[in-house]
């Protein structure tokens, strides 16, 4: 499974960004898809996931929305009300059986 993220960039606090992750594979609808992020000097952390339900890190609930389009093999992360502490490299993750696949990451920078 190959994952390609896009949509990162520089935004002011309070702004919005939409990340996309295009996945290869013929059974995308069966994958659990997730977004993680890693800030400088910190460990990679979970942000949101989607299977038949959605899960969120507490600090992004109400601001971020994960969604998927199975016809396009794509998962999205809509990020609103961005804060400087959301600054990180955001990684797309696909869980296929017992195997995790990762994208190359996309930088999100939120200026104060």
PDB file of N, CA and C in Angstrom:
ATOM      1  N   UNK A   1       0.853  -1.194   0.000  1.00  0.00           N
ATOM      2  CA  UNK A   1       0.000   0.000   0.000  1.00  0.00           C
ATOM      3  C   UNK A   1       0.885   1.239   0.000  1.00  0.00           C
ATOM      4  N   UNK A   2       0.623   2.115  -0.922  1.00  0.00           N
ATOM      5  CA  UNK A   2       1.348   3.382  -0.981  1.00  0.00           C
ATOM      6  C   UNK A   2       0.408   4.515  -0.628  1.00  0.00           C
ATOM      7  N   UNK A   3       0.938   5.456   0.167  1.00  0.00           N
ATOM      8  CA  UNK A   3       0.147   6.580   0.648  1.00  0.00           C
ATOM      9  C   UNK A   3       0.838   7.876   0.260  1.00  0.00           C
ATOM     10  N   UNK A   4       0.088   8.816  -0.287  1.00  0.00           N
ATOM     11  CA  UNK A   4       0.652  10.098  -0.697  1.00  0.00           C
ATOM     12  C   UNK A   4      -0.209  11.215  -0.116  1.00  0.00           C
ATOM     13  N   UNK A   5       0.414  11.986   0.795  1.00  0.00           N
ATOM     14  CA  UNK A   5      -0.296  13.102   1.427  1.00  0.00           C
ATOM     15  C   UNK A   5      -0.120  14.380   0.624  1.00  0.00           C
ATOM     16  N   UNK A   6      -1.063  15.279   0.794  1.00  0.00           N
ATOM     17  CA  UNK A   6      -0.976  16.614   0.216  1.00  0.00           C
ATOM     18  C   UNK A   6      -1.843  17.556   1.032  1.00  0.00           C
ATOM     19  N   UNK A   7      -1.643  18.862   0.824  1.00  0.00           N
ATOM     20  CA  UNK A   7      -2.505  19.842   1.452  1.00  0.00           C
ATOM     21  C   UNK A   7      -1.907  20.607   2.612  1.00  0.00           C
ATOM     22  N   UNK A   8      -0.689  20.267   3.006  1.00  0.00           N
ATOM     23  CA  UNK A   8      -0.069  21.006   4.094  1.00  0.00           C
ATOM     24  C   UNK A   8       0.324  22.411   3.656  1.00  0.00           C
ATOM     25  N   UNK A   9       0.780  23.205   4.626  1.00  0.00           N
ATOM     26  CA  UNK A   9       1.203  24.556   4.302  1.00  0.00           C
ATOM     27  C   UNK A   9       1.295  25.422   5.533  1.00  0.00           C
ATOM     28  N   UNK A  10       1.410  26.718   5.269  1.00  0.00           N
ATOM     29  CA  UNK A  10       1.519  27.725   6.330  1.00  0.00           C
ATOM     30  C   UNK A  10       0.178  28.452   6.448  1.00  0.00           C
ATOM     31  N   UNK A  11      -0.328  28.555   7.665  1.00  0.00           N
ATOM     32  CA  UNK A  11      -1.606  29.217   7.897  1.00  0.00           C
ATOM     33  C   UNK A  11      -1.536  29.980   9.212  1.00  0.00           C
ATOM     34  N   UNK A  12      -2.288  31.041   9.307  1.00  0.00           N
ATOM     35  CA  UNK A  12      -2.341  31.797  10.554  1.00  0.00           C
ATOM     36  C   UNK A  12      -3.253  31.096  11.559  1.00  0.00           C
ATOM     37  N   UNK A  13      -3.016  31.362  12.824  1.00  0.00           N
ATOM     38  CA  UNK A  13      -3.868  30.812  13.877  1.00  0.00           C
ATOM     39  C   UNK A  13      -5.323  31.183  13.607  1.00  0.00           C
ATOM     40  N   UNK A  14      -6.198  30.209  13.813  1.00  0.00           N
ATOM     41  CA  UNK A  14      -7.612  30.410  13.527  1.00  0.00           C
ATOM     42  C   UNK A  14      -8.019  30.003  12.123  1.00  0.00           C
ATOM     43  N   UNK A  15      -7.034  29.745  11.279  1.00  0.00           N
ATOM     44  CA  UNK A  15      -7.309  29.374   9.899  1.00  0.00           C
ATOM     45  C   UNK A  15      -7.604  27.898   9.736  1.00  0.00           C
ATOM     46  N   UNK A  16      -7.746  27.493   8.466  1.00  0.00           N
ATOM     47  CA  UNK A  16      -8.118  26.111   8.148  1.00  0.00           C
ATOM     48  C   UNK A  16      -7.209  25.540   7.068  1.00  0.00           C
ATOM     49  N   UNK A  17      -7.047  24.236   7.107  1.00  0.00           N
ATOM     50  CA  UNK A  17      -6.365  23.492   6.065  1.00  0.00           C
ATOM     51  C   UNK A  17      -7.082  22.162   5.889  1.00  0.00           C
ATOM     52  N   UNK A  18      -6.974  21.614   4.688  1.00  0.00           N
ATOM     53  CA  UNK A  18      -7.529  20.287   4.430  1.00  0.00           C
ATOM     54  C   UNK A  18      -6.422  19.407   3.883  1.00  0.00           C
ATOM     55  N   UNK A  19      -6.102  18.360   4.601  1.00  0.00           N
ATOM     56  CA  UNK A  19      -5.111  17.390   4.158  1.00  0.00           C
ATOM     57  C   UNK A  19      -5.803  16.259   3.410  1.00  0.00           C
ATOM     58  N   UNK A  20      -5.118  15.744   2.416  1.00  0.00           N
ATOM     59  CA  UNK A  20      -5.613  14.592   1.658  1.00  0.00           C
ATOM     60  C   UNK A  20      -4.551  13.503   1.660  1.00  0.00           C
ATOM     61  N   UNK A  21      -5.003  12.278   1.580  1.00  0.00           N
ATOM     62  CA  UNK A  21      -4.097  11.137   1.502  1.00  0.00           C
ATOM     63  C   UNK A  21      -4.673  10.152   0.494  1.00  0.00           C
ATOM     64  N   UNK A  22      -3.969   9.993  -0.613  1.00  0.00           N
ATOM     65  CA  UNK A  22      -4.398   9.053  -1.648  1.00  0.00           C
ATOM     66  C   UNK A  22      -3.700   7.724  -1.439  1.00  0.00           C
ATOM     67  N   UNK A  23      -4.470   6.652  -1.445  1.00  0.00           N
ATOM     68  CA  UNK A  23      -3.929   5.322  -1.177  1.00  0.00           C
ATOM     69  C   UNK A  23      -4.048   4.416  -2.392  1.00  0.00           C
ATOM     70  N   UNK A  24      -3.066   3.540  -2.520  1.00  0.00           N
ATOM     71  CA  UNK A  24      -3.163   2.502  -3.542  1.00  0.00           C
ATOM     72  C   UNK A  24      -3.879   1.310  -2.932  1.00  0.00           C
ATOM     73  N   UNK A  25      -4.150   0.305  -3.745  1.00  0.00           N
ATOM     74  CA  UNK A  25      -4.792  -0.896  -3.222  1.00  0.00           C
ATOM     75  C   UNK A  25      -6.213  -1.039  -3.710  1.00  0.00           C
ATOM     76  N   UNK A  26      -6.627  -2.293  -3.803  1.00  0.00           N
ATOM     77  CA  UNK A  26      -7.933  -2.586  -4.368  1.00  0.00           C
ATOM     78  C   UNK A  26      -9.023  -2.751  -3.321  1.00  0.00           C
ATOM     79  N   UNK A  27      -8.615  -2.757  -2.041  1.00  0.00           N
ATOM     80  CA  UNK A  27      -9.601  -2.962  -0.979  1.00  0.00           C
ATOM     81  C   UNK A  27      -9.540  -1.825   0.024  1.00  0.00           C
ATOM     82  N   UNK A  28      -9.418  -0.611  -0.488  1.00  0.00           N
ATOM     83  CA  UNK A  28      -9.258   0.570   0.369  1.00  0.00           C
ATOM     84  C   UNK A  28     -10.365   0.657   1.407  1.00  0.00           C
ATOM     85  N   UNK A  29     -11.583   0.315   1.029  1.00  0.00           N
ATOM     86  CA  UNK A  29     -12.707   0.464   1.950  1.00  0.00           C
ATOM     87  C   UNK A  29     -12.540  -0.389   3.204  1.00  0.00           C
ATOM     88  N   UNK A  30     -11.691  -1.387   3.157  1.00  0.00           N
ATOM     89  CA  UNK A  30     -11.471  -2.257   4.316  1.00  0.00           C
ATOM     90  C   UNK A  30     -10.349  -1.763   5.216  1.00  0.00           C
ATOM     91  N   UNK A  31      -9.601  -0.739   4.768  1.00  0.00           N
ATOM     92  CA  UNK A  31      -8.480  -0.237   5.563  1.00  0.00           C
ATOM     93  C   UNK A  31      -9.000   0.663   6.678  1.00  0.00           C
ATOM     94  N   UNK A  32      -8.405   0.565   7.850  1.00  0.00           N
ATOM     95  CA  UNK A  32      -8.581   1.608   8.849  1.00  0.00           C
ATOM     96  C   UNK A  32      -7.550   2.682   8.541  1.00  0.00           C
ATOM     97  N   UNK A  33      -8.019   3.886   8.338  1.00  0.00           N
ATOM     98  CA  UNK A  33      -7.143   5.000   7.970  1.00  0.00           C
ATOM     99  C   UNK A  33      -7.013   5.960   9.144  1.00  0.00           C
ATOM    100  N   UNK A  34      -5.847   6.556   9.260  1.00  0.00           N
ATOM    101  CA  UNK A  34      -5.609   7.449  10.390  1.00  0.00           C
ATOM    102  C   UNK A  34      -4.635   8.550  10.001  1.00  0.00           C
ATOM    103  N   UNK A  35      -4.651   9.579  10.800  1.00  0.00           N
ATOM    104  CA  UNK A  35      -3.662  10.658  10.716  1.00  0.00           C
ATOM    105  C   UNK A  35      -2.905  10.715  12.034  1.00  0.00           C
ATOM    106  N   UNK A  36      -1.588  10.848  11.937  1.00  0.00           N
ATOM    107  CA  UNK A  36      -0.703  11.074  13.065  1.00  0.00           C
ATOM    108  C   UNK A  36       0.057  12.364  12.787  1.00  0.00           C
ATOM    109  N   UNK A  37       0.707  12.875  13.805  1.00  0.00           N
ATOM    110  CA  UNK A  37       1.551  14.051  13.603  1.00  0.00           C
ATOM    111  C   UNK A  37       2.770  13.973  14.502  1.00  0.00           C
ATOM    112  N   UNK A  38       3.817  14.661  14.081  1.00  0.00           N
ATOM    113  CA  UNK A  38       5.048  14.709  14.860  1.00  0.00           C
ATOM    114  C   UNK A  38       5.602  16.119  14.833  1.00  0.00           C
ATOM    115  N   UNK A  39       5.649  16.728  16.010  1.00  0.00           N
ATOM    116  CA  UNK A  39       6.222  18.059  16.157  1.00  0.00           C
ATOM    117  C   UNK A  39       7.717  17.923  16.432  1.00  0.00           C
ATOM    118  N   UNK A  40       8.500  18.970  16.156  1.00  0.00           N
ATOM    119  CA  UNK A  40       9.949  18.899  16.396  1.00  0.00           C
ATOM    120  C   UNK A  40      10.267  18.523  17.838  1.00  0.00           C
ATOM    121  N   UNK A  41      11.118  17.541  18.003  1.00  0.00           N
ATOM    122  CA  UNK A  41      11.539  17.128  19.330  1.00  0.00           C
ATOM    123  C   UNK A  41      10.530  16.304  20.099  1.00  0.00           C
ATOM    124  N   UNK A  42       9.433  15.944  19.452  1.00  0.00           N
ATOM    125  CA  UNK A  42       8.399  15.171  20.128  1.00  0.00           C
ATOM    126  C   UNK A  42       8.149  13.858  19.392  1.00  0.00           C
ATOM    127  N   UNK A  43       7.502  12.946  20.094  1.00  0.00           N
ATOM    128  CA  UNK A  43       7.159  11.671  19.484  1.00  0.00           C
ATOM    129  C   UNK A  43       5.941  11.824  18.574  1.00  0.00           C
ATOM    130  N   UNK A  44       5.844  10.907  17.633  1.00  0.00           N
ATOM    131  CA  UNK A  44       4.677  10.896  16.755  1.00  0.00           C
ATOM    132  C   UNK A  44       3.436  10.556  17.586  1.00  0.00           C
ATOM    133  N   UNK A  45       2.343  11.281  17.348  1.00  0.00           N
ATOM    134  CA  UNK A  45       1.136  11.073  18.131  1.00  0.00           C
ATOM    135  C   UNK A  45      -0.083  10.908  17.231  1.00  0.00           C
ATOM    136  N   UNK A  46      -1.045  10.172  17.749  1.00  0.00           N
ATOM    137  CA  UNK A  46      -2.303   9.931  17.057  1.00  0.00           C
ATOM    138  C   UNK A  46      -3.125  11.215  17.010  1.00  0.00           C
ATOM    139  N   UNK A  47      -3.798  11.426  15.873  1.00  0.00           N
ATOM    140  CA  UNK A  47      -4.671  12.584  15.729  1.00  0.00           C
ATOM    141  C   UNK A  47      -6.116  12.142  15.513  1.00  0.00           C
ATOM    142  N   UNK A  48      -6.341  11.279  14.519  1.00  0.00           N
ATOM    143  CA  UNK A  48      -7.712  10.865  14.191  1.00  0.00           C
ATOM    144  C   UNK A  48      -7.660   9.589  13.375  1.00  0.00           C
ATOM    145  N   UNK A  49      -8.738   8.804  13.439  1.00  0.00           N
ATOM    146  CA  UNK A  49      -8.828   7.563  12.675  1.00  0.00           C
ATOM    147  C   UNK A  49     -10.262   7.357  12.216  1.00  0.00           C
ATOM    148  N   UNK A  50     -10.394   6.571  11.140  1.00  0.00           N
ATOM    149  CA  UNK A  50     -11.721   6.276  10.612  1.00  0.00           C
ATOM    150  C   UNK A  50     -11.756   4.847  10.100  1.00  0.00           C
ATOM    151  N   UNK A  51     -12.742   4.109  10.574  1.00  0.00           N
ATOM    152  CA  UNK A  51     -13.048   2.806   9.992  1.00  0.00           C
ATOM    153  C   UNK A  51     -14.529   2.894   9.623  1.00  0.00           C
ATOM    154  N   UNK A  52     -15.385   2.256  10.427  1.00  0.00           N
ATOM    155  CA  UNK A  52     -16.823   2.507  10.268  1.00  0.00           C
ATOM    156  C   UNK A  52     -17.283   3.559  11.283  1.00  0.00           C
ATOM    157  N   UNK A  53     -16.378   3.905  12.207  1.00  0.00           N
ATOM    158  CA  UNK A  53     -16.598   5.014  13.120  1.00  0.00           C
ATOM    159  C   UNK A  53     -15.339   5.868  13.122  1.00  0.00           C
ATOM    160  N   UNK A  54     -15.404   6.981  13.796  1.00  0.00           N
ATOM    161  CA  UNK A  54     -14.251   7.875  13.854  1.00  0.00           C
ATOM    162  C   UNK A  54     -13.759   8.030  15.290  1.00  0.00           C
ATOM    163  N   UNK A  55     -12.477   8.301  15.403  1.00  0.00           N
ATOM    164  CA  UNK A  55     -11.823   8.509  16.688  1.00  0.00           C
ATOM    165  C   UNK A  55     -10.966   9.759  16.577  1.00  0.00           C
ATOM    166  N   UNK A  56     -10.872  10.506  17.681  1.00  0.00           N
ATOM    167  CA  UNK A  56     -10.089  11.747  17.677  1.00  0.00           C
ATOM    168  C   UNK A  56      -9.265  11.882  18.951  1.00  0.00           C
ATOM    169  N   UNK A  57      -8.105  12.496  18.796  1.00  0.00           N
ATOM    170  CA  UNK A  57      -7.357  12.968  19.960  1.00  0.00           C
ATOM    171  C   UNK A  57      -8.192  14.047  20.631  1.00  0.00           C
ATOM    172  N   UNK A  58      -8.192  14.049  21.948  1.00  0.00           N
ATOM    173  CA  UNK A  58      -9.063  14.978  22.677  1.00  0.00           C
ATOM    174  C   UNK A  58      -8.844  16.429  22.264  1.00  0.00           C
ATOM    175  N   UNK A  59      -7.602  16.817  22.056  1.00  0.00           N
ATOM    176  CA  UNK A  59      -7.305  18.228  21.803  1.00  0.00           C
ATOM    177  C   UNK A  59      -7.755  18.707  20.422  1.00  0.00           C
ATOM    178  N   UNK A  60      -8.154  17.793  19.546  1.00  0.00           N
ATOM    179  CA  UNK A  60      -8.608  18.208  18.207  1.00  0.00           C
ATOM    180  C   UNK A  60     -10.110  18.012  18.021  1.00  0.00           C
ATOM    181  N   UNK A  61     -10.756  17.399  19.003  1.00  0.00           N
ATOM    182  CA  UNK A  61     -12.208  17.191  18.890  1.00  0.00           C
ATOM    183  C   UNK A  61     -12.933  18.519  18.722  1.00  0.00           C
ATOM    184  N   UNK A  62     -13.860  18.563  17.785  1.00  0.00           N
ATOM    185  CA  UNK A  62     -14.601  19.784  17.519  1.00  0.00           C
ATOM    186  C   UNK A  62     -13.910  20.733  16.566  1.00  0.00           C
ATOM    187  N   UNK A  63     -12.617  20.479  16.270  1.00  0.00           N
ATOM    188  CA  UNK A  63     -11.876  21.327  15.331  1.00  0.00           C
ATOM    189  C   UNK A  63     -11.488  20.572  14.064  1.00  0.00           C
ATOM    190  N   UNK A  64     -11.155  19.311  14.217  1.00  0.00           N
ATOM    191  CA  UNK A  64     -10.711  18.483  13.086  1.00  0.00           C
ATOM    192  C   UNK A  64     -11.799  17.470  12.731  1.00  0.00           C
ATOM    193  N   UNK A  65     -11.899  17.162  11.442  1.00  0.00           N
ATOM    194  CA  UNK A  65     -12.835  16.144  10.975  1.00  0.00           C
ATOM    195  C   UNK A  65     -12.136  15.221   9.988  1.00  0.00           C
ATOM    196  N   UNK A  66     -12.167  13.927  10.283  1.00  0.00           N
ATOM    197  CA  UNK A  66     -11.609  12.942   9.356  1.00  0.00           C
ATOM    198  C   UNK A  66     -12.753  12.356   8.538  1.00  0.00           C
ATOM    199  N   UNK A  67     -12.485  12.158   7.261  1.00  0.00           N
ATOM    200  CA  UNK A  67     -13.498  11.567   6.385  1.00  0.00           C
ATOM    201  C   UNK A  67     -12.803  10.764   5.295  1.00  0.00           C
ATOM    202  N   UNK A  68     -13.569   9.989   4.558  1.00  0.00           N
ATOM    203  CA  UNK A  68     -12.974   9.182   3.501  1.00  0.00           C
ATOM    204  C   UNK A  68     -13.926   9.097   2.311  1.00  0.00           C
ATOM    205  N   UNK A  69     -13.324   8.949   1.145  1.00  0.00           N
ATOM    206  CA  UNK A  69     -14.070   8.714  -0.090  1.00  0.00           C
ATOM    207  C   UNK A  69     -13.538   7.404  -0.663  1.00  0.00           C
ATOM    208  N   UNK A  70     -14.269   6.342  -0.442  1.00  0.00           N
ATOM    209  CA  UNK A  70     -13.782   5.031  -0.868  1.00  0.00           C
ATOM    210  C   UNK A  70     -13.714   4.905  -2.393  1.00  0.00           C
ATOM    211  N   UNK A  71     -14.538   5.663  -3.091  1.00  0.00           N
ATOM    212  CA  UNK A  71     -14.500   5.622  -4.555  1.00  0.00           C
ATOM    213  C   UNK A  71     -13.214   6.239  -5.097  1.00  0.00           C
ATOM    214  N   UNK A  72     -12.622   7.138  -4.316  1.00  0.00           N
ATOM    215  CA  UNK A  72     -11.383   7.799  -4.730  1.00  0.00           C
ATOM    216  C   UNK A  72     -10.164   7.283  -3.976  1.00  0.00           C
ATOM    217  N   UNK A  73     -10.351   6.281  -3.121  1.00  0.00           N
ATOM    218  CA  UNK A  73      -9.227   5.762  -2.313  1.00  0.00           C
ATOM    219  C   UNK A  73      -8.519   6.895  -1.565  1.00  0.00           C
ATOM    220  N   UNK A  74      -9.277   7.783  -0.980  1.00  0.00           N
ATOM    221  CA  UNK A  74      -8.700   8.965  -0.357  1.00  0.00           C
ATOM    222  C   UNK A  74      -9.312   9.200   1.022  1.00  0.00           C
ATOM    223  N   UNK A  75      -8.459   9.601   1.942  1.00  0.00           N
ATOM    224  CA  UNK A  75      -8.899  10.022   3.263  1.00  0.00           C
ATOM    225  C   UNK A  75      -8.512  11.486   3.444  1.00  0.00           C
ATOM    226  N   UNK A  76      -9.331  12.213   4.176  1.00  0.00           N
ATOM    227  CA  UNK A  76      -9.133  13.645   4.359  1.00  0.00           C
ATOM    228  C   UNK A  76      -9.053  13.986   5.845  1.00  0.00           C
ATOM    229  N   UNK A  77      -8.404  15.094   6.128  1.00  0.00           N
ATOM    230  CA  UNK A  77      -8.429  15.659   7.466  1.00  0.00           C
ATOM    231  C   UNK A  77      -8.700  17.149   7.312  1.00  0.00           C
ATOM    232  N   UNK A  78      -9.916  17.544   7.648  1.00  0.00           N
ATOM    233  CA  UNK A  78     -10.276  18.956   7.641  1.00  0.00           C
ATOM    234  C   UNK A  78      -9.905  19.538   8.999  1.00  0.00           C
ATOM    235  N   UNK A  79      -9.059  20.544   8.968  1.00  0.00           N
ATOM    236  CA  UNK A  79      -8.561  21.143  10.211  1.00  0.00           C
ATOM    237  C   UNK A  79      -9.006  22.595  10.275  1.00  0.00           C
ATOM    238  N   UNK A  80      -9.833  22.913  11.255  1.00  0.00           N
ATOM    239  CA  UNK A  80     -10.332  24.268  11.456  1.00  0.00           C
ATOM    240  C   UNK A  80      -9.824  24.819  12.787  1.00  0.00           C
ATOM    241  N   UNK A  81      -9.940  26.119  12.944  1.00  0.00           N
ATOM    242  CA  UNK A  81      -9.516  26.776  14.190  1.00  0.00           C
ATOM    243  C   UNK A  81      -8.113  26.323  14.591  1.00  0.00           C
ATOM    244  N   UNK A  82      -7.219  26.351  13.642  1.00  0.00           N
ATOM    245  CA  UNK A  82      -5.860  25.856  13.901  1.00  0.00           C
ATOM    246  C   UNK A  82      -5.146  26.708  14.926  1.00  0.00           C
ATOM    247  N   UNK A  83      -4.309  26.038  15.711  1.00  0.00           N
ATOM    248  CA  UNK A  83      -3.541  26.678  16.767  1.00  0.00           C
ATOM    249  C   UNK A  83      -2.047  26.455  16.501  1.00  0.00           C
ATOM    250  N   UNK A  84      -1.192  27.323  17.025  1.00  0.00           N
ATOM    251  CA  UNK A  84       0.261  27.116  16.837  1.00  0.00           C
ATOM    252  C   UNK A  84       0.720  25.728  17.313  1.00  0.00           C
ATOM    253  N   UNK A  85       0.079  25.194  18.328  1.00  0.00           N
ATOM    254  CA  UNK A  85       0.471  23.873  18.828  1.00  0.00           C
ATOM    255  C   UNK A  85       0.073  22.732  17.895  1.00  0.00           C
ATOM    256  N   UNK A  86      -0.665  23.039  16.834  1.00  0.00           N
ATOM    257  CA  UNK A  86      -0.966  22.034  15.814  1.00  0.00           C
ATOM    258  C   UNK A  86       0.169  21.903  14.796  1.00  0.00           C
ATOM    259  N   UNK A  87       1.165  22.765  14.893  1.00  0.00           N
ATOM    260  CA  UNK A  87       2.295  22.722  13.982  1.00  0.00           C
ATOM    261  C   UNK A  87       3.029  21.390  14.104  1.00  0.00           C
ATOM    262  N   UNK A  88       3.184  20.698  12.976  1.00  0.00           N
ATOM    263  CA  UNK A  88       3.812  19.381  12.966  1.00  0.00           C
ATOM    264  C   UNK A  88       3.878  18.869  11.535  1.00  0.00           C
ATOM    265  N   UNK A  89       4.603  17.776  11.365  1.00  0.00           N
ATOM    266  CA  UNK A  89       4.489  17.005  10.129  1.00  0.00           C
ATOM    267  C   UNK A  89       3.346  16.015  10.336  1.00  0.00           C
ATOM    268  N   UNK A  90       2.414  16.013   9.424  1.00  0.00           N
ATOM    269  CA  UNK A  90       1.243  15.138   9.517  1.00  0.00           C
ATOM    270  C   UNK A  90       1.441  13.934   8.599  1.00  0.00           C
ATOM    271  N   UNK A  91       1.222  12.760   9.159  1.00  0.00           N
ATOM    272  CA  UNK A  91       1.436  11.507   8.432  1.00  0.00           C
ATOM    273  C   UNK A  91       0.112  10.754   8.281  1.00  0.00           C
ATOM    274  N   UNK A  92      -0.092  10.228   7.113  1.00  0.00           N
ATOM    275  CA  UNK A  92      -1.220   9.357   6.844  1.00  0.00           C
ATOM    276  C   UNK A  92      -0.816   7.919   7.184  1.00  0.00           C
ATOM    277  N   UNK A  93      -1.732   7.178   7.746  1.00  0.00           N
ATOM    278  CA  UNK A  93      -1.471   5.794   8.148  1.00  0.00           C
ATOM    279  C   UNK A  93      -2.611   4.910   7.655  1.00  0.00           C
ATOM    280  N   UNK A  94      -2.238   3.736   7.152  1.00  0.00           N
ATOM    281  CA  UNK A  94      -3.227   2.735   6.769  1.00  0.00           C
ATOM    282  C   UNK A  94      -2.949   1.454   7.546  1.00  0.00           C
ATOM    283  N   UNK A  95      -3.974   0.943   8.192  1.00  0.00           N
ATOM    284  CA  UNK A  95      -3.856  -0.328   8.906  1.00  0.00           C
ATOM    285  C   UNK A  95      -4.536  -1.391   8.065  1.00  0.00           C
ATOM    286  N   UNK A  96      -3.713  -2.329   7.570  1.00  0.00           N
ATOM    287  CA  UNK A  96      -4.226  -3.393   6.703  1.00  0.00           C
ATOM    288  C   UNK A  96      -3.891  -4.711   7.379  1.00  0.00           C
ATOM    289  N   UNK A  97      -4.886  -5.324   7.947  1.00  0.00           N
ATOM    290  CA  UNK A  97      -4.602  -6.520   8.734  1.00  0.00           C
ATOM    291  C   UNK A  97      -3.752  -6.132   9.930  1.00  0.00           C
ATOM    292  N   UNK A  98      -2.586  -6.774  10.052  1.00  0.00           N
ATOM    293  CA  UNK A  98      -1.672  -6.455  11.154  1.00  0.00           C
ATOM    294  C   UNK A  98      -0.527  -5.542  10.710  1.00  0.00           C
ATOM    295  N   UNK A  99      -0.602  -4.986   9.511  1.00  0.00           N
ATOM    296  CA  UNK A  99       0.481  -4.191   8.956  1.00  0.00           C
ATOM    297  C   UNK A  99       0.091  -2.718   8.891  1.00  0.00           C
ATOM    298  N   UNK A 100       1.022  -1.877   9.309  1.00  0.00           N
ATOM    299  CA  UNK A 100       0.850  -0.434   9.201  1.00  0.00           C
ATOM    300  C   UNK A 100       1.664   0.105   8.038  1.00  0.00           C
ATOM    301  N   UNK A 101       1.053   0.984   7.272  1.00  0.00           N
ATOM    302  CA  UNK A 101       1.730   1.673   6.186  1.00  0.00           C
ATOM    303  C   UNK A 101       1.688   3.172   6.461  1.00  0.00           C
ATOM    304  N   UNK A 102       2.759   3.854   6.024  1.00  0.00           N
ATOM    305  CA  UNK A 102       2.889   5.288   6.303  1.00  0.00           C
ATOM    306  C   UNK A 102       3.169   6.063   5.025  1.00  0.00           C
ATOM    307  N   UNK A 103       2.641   7.292   4.974  1.00  0.00           N
ATOM    308  CA  UNK A 103       3.010   8.213   3.927  1.00  0.00           C
ATOM    309  C   UNK A 103       4.287   8.939   4.294  1.00  0.00           C
ATOM    310  N   UNK A 104       4.696   9.844   3.402  1.00  0.00           N
ATOM    311  CA  UNK A 104       5.963  10.549   3.600  1.00  0.00           C
ATOM    312  C   UNK A 104       5.809  11.758   4.506  1.00  0.00           C
ATOM    313  N   UNK A 105       4.572  12.172   4.751  1.00  0.00           N
ATOM    314  CA  UNK A 105       4.318  13.307   5.637  1.00  0.00           C
ATOM    315  C   UNK A 105       4.151  14.615   4.882  1.00  0.00           C
ATOM    316  N   UNK A 106       3.391  15.509   5.482  1.00  0.00           N
ATOM    317  CA  UNK A 106       3.198  16.847   4.935  1.00  0.00           C
ATOM    318  C   UNK A 106       3.268  17.853   6.077  1.00  0.00           C
ATOM    319  N   UNK A 107       3.995  18.930   5.866  1.00  0.00           N
ATOM    320  CA  UNK A 107       4.241  19.915   6.927  1.00  0.00           C
ATOM    321  C   UNK A 107       3.044  20.845   7.076  1.00  0.00           C
ATOM    322  N   UNK A 108       2.619  21.027   8.306  1.00  0.00           N
ATOM    323  CA  UNK A 108       1.605  22.020   8.658  1.00  0.00           C
ATOM    324  C   UNK A 108       2.227  22.977   9.657  1.00  0.00           C
ATOM    325  N   UNK A 109       2.233  24.256   9.311  1.00  0.00           N
ATOM    326  CA  UNK A 109       2.793  25.277  10.187  1.00  0.00           C
ATOM    327  C   UNK A 109       1.732  26.322  10.470  1.00  0.00           C
ATOM    328  N   UNK A 110       1.469  26.541  11.753  1.00  0.00           N
ATOM    329  CA  UNK A 110       0.456  27.510  12.166  1.00  0.00           C
ATOM    330  C   UNK A 110       1.167  28.657  12.873  1.00  0.00           C
ATOM    331  N   UNK A 111       1.065  29.836  12.307  1.00  0.00           N
ATOM    332  CA  UNK A 111       1.726  31.006  12.889  1.00  0.00           C
ATOM    333  C   UNK A 111       0.786  31.726  13.851  1.00  0.00           C
ATOM    334  N   UNK A 112       1.370  32.310  14.875  1.00  0.00           N
ATOM    335  CA  UNK A 112       0.559  33.015  15.883  1.00  0.00           C
ATOM    336  C   UNK A 112       0.371  34.475  15.513  1.00  0.00           C
TER     337      UNK A 112
END
